[in-house]
Amino acid sequence: MRNYRFESDRRRVAAVLLAISITVCWFPLARLAPLINRDGETARDGIEFAALVGNLIAVAIGLLGIAITWADLVHDIFHPSVTLGVLVFEILALIP
C-alpha cells in the first residue's frame, strides 16, 4: 500500500529544494561578470580570485540541487533524507 502523505511531503521538500537551488545557481552569475574582463582573462590573485572561486562553487552547489530535485521529482530515485540533507546544506552554505 502506498503512503500518499509521505510522497506529498517528499515532493514538497523537493520543490523547496528546487526553488532554493535556482536562486543559489542564478545569483552568483551576476557576480561572475566583473571578475572576467573583456579580453577573456580571469582574476588570478587576491580577493578577486577568491570571489571567482566562491561564485563558481555556489553555481556548482545550485546545479547539484537542481539535479537532485530533477531525479527526485521526475524519476523518484532519491531518498528523502538525501534531498532534505542537500536542502539544509544549500541553506547553510550561503551563511558565510
Protein backbone atom coordinates (compact mmCIF):
# COMPACT_ATOMS: atom_id res chain seq x y z
CA MET A 1 0.00 0.00 0.00
CA ARG A 2 1.35 3.41 -0.95
CA ASN A 3 1.69 6.20 1.54
CA TYR A 4 0.42 9.24 -0.35
CA ARG A 5 1.00 11.61 2.56
CA PHE A 6 4.70 10.67 2.63
CA GLU A 7 5.02 11.12 -1.13
CA SER A 8 3.33 14.52 -0.93
CA ASP A 9 5.70 15.68 1.81
CA ARG A 10 8.70 14.35 -0.12
CA ARG A 11 7.65 16.24 -3.24
CA ARG A 12 7.10 19.40 -1.20
CA VAL A 13 10.65 19.23 0.18
CA ALA A 14 11.97 18.62 -3.33
CA ALA A 15 10.05 21.65 -4.63
CA VAL A 16 11.56 23.84 -1.92
CA LEU A 17 15.00 22.48 -2.84
CA LEU A 18 14.33 23.39 -6.47
CA ALA A 19 13.36 26.95 -5.59
CA ILE A 20 16.45 27.43 -3.42
CA SER A 21 18.71 25.75 -5.98
CA ILE A 22 17.58 28.06 -8.75
CA THR A 23 18.38 31.12 -6.65
CA VAL A 24 21.70 29.64 -5.48
CA CYS A 25 22.65 28.94 -9.10
CA TRP A 26 21.35 32.22 -10.58
CA PHE A 27 22.56 34.81 -8.05
CA PRO A 28 26.36 34.21 -8.38
CA LEU A 29 26.22 34.54 -12.16
CA ALA A 30 25.80 38.31 -11.85
CA ARG A 31 28.81 38.48 -9.55
CA LEU A 32 30.93 36.49 -12.01
CA ALA A 33 30.66 39.08 -14.79
CA PRO A 34 33.01 41.71 -13.28
CA LEU A 35 35.61 39.04 -12.46
CA ILE A 36 36.11 38.22 -16.14
CA ASN A 37 37.49 41.09 -18.22
CA ARG A 38 36.80 41.73 -21.86
CA ASP A 39 40.00 40.00 -23.03
CA GLY A 40 38.83 36.70 -21.57
CA GLU A 41 41.30 36.72 -18.68
CA THR A 42 40.05 35.99 -15.19
CA ALA A 43 41.18 37.23 -11.81
CA ARG A 44 44.36 35.45 -10.73
CA ASP A 45 45.14 36.62 -7.21
CA GLY A 46 43.77 38.23 -4.13
CA ILE A 47 40.18 38.85 -3.22
CA GLU A 48 39.00 38.77 -6.83
CA PHE A 49 40.28 35.21 -7.28
CA ALA A 50 38.65 34.09 -4.01
CA ALA A 51 35.36 35.67 -5.14
CA LEU A 52 35.64 33.94 -8.53
CA VAL A 53 36.19 30.52 -6.96
CA GLY A 54 33.44 31.08 -4.39
CA ASN A 55 30.94 32.06 -7.06
CA LEU A 56 31.83 29.04 -9.19
CA ILE A 57 31.36 26.76 -6.17
CA ALA A 58 27.97 28.37 -5.47
CA VAL A 59 26.89 27.73 -9.07
CA ALA A 60 28.04 24.09 -8.73
CA ILE A 61 26.05 23.69 -5.49
CA GLY A 62 22.97 25.11 -7.22
CA LEU A 63 23.37 22.74 -10.16
CA LEU A 64 23.74 19.81 -7.74
CA GLY A 65 20.49 20.76 -6.06
CA ILE A 66 18.70 21.09 -9.40
CA ALA A 67 19.95 17.66 -10.49
CA ILE A 68 18.86 16.02 -7.23
CA THR A 69 15.46 17.70 -7.47
CA TRP A 70 15.06 16.50 -11.05
CA ALA A 71 15.91 12.95 -10.03
CA ASP A 72 13.56 13.12 -7.06
CA LEU A 73 10.55 14.78 -8.70
CA VAL A 74 10.67 13.23 -12.16
CA HIS A 75 12.35 9.86 -11.69
CA ASP A 76 11.59 9.09 -7.99
CA ILE A 77 15.09 7.70 -7.39
CA PHE A 78 16.43 9.75 -4.47
CA HIS A 79 15.88 9.06 -0.80
CA PRO A 80 14.06 11.83 1.10
CA SER A 81 16.91 12.12 3.59
CA VAL A 82 19.34 12.94 0.78
CA THR A 83 17.00 15.62 -0.56
CA LEU A 84 16.50 17.13 2.89
CA GLY A 85 20.24 16.96 3.59
CA VAL A 86 21.12 18.81 0.39
CA LEU A 87 18.40 21.36 1.18
CA VAL A 88 19.91 22.07 4.60
CA PHE A 89 23.43 22.13 3.09
CA GLU A 90 22.42 24.71 0.46
CA ILE A 91 20.79 26.94 3.06
CA LEU A 92 23.76 26.74 5.42
CA ALA A 93 26.36 27.07 2.65
CA LEU A 94 25.26 30.63 1.94
CA ILE A 95 25.71 31.83 5.53
CA PRO A 96 29.46 32.67 5.27
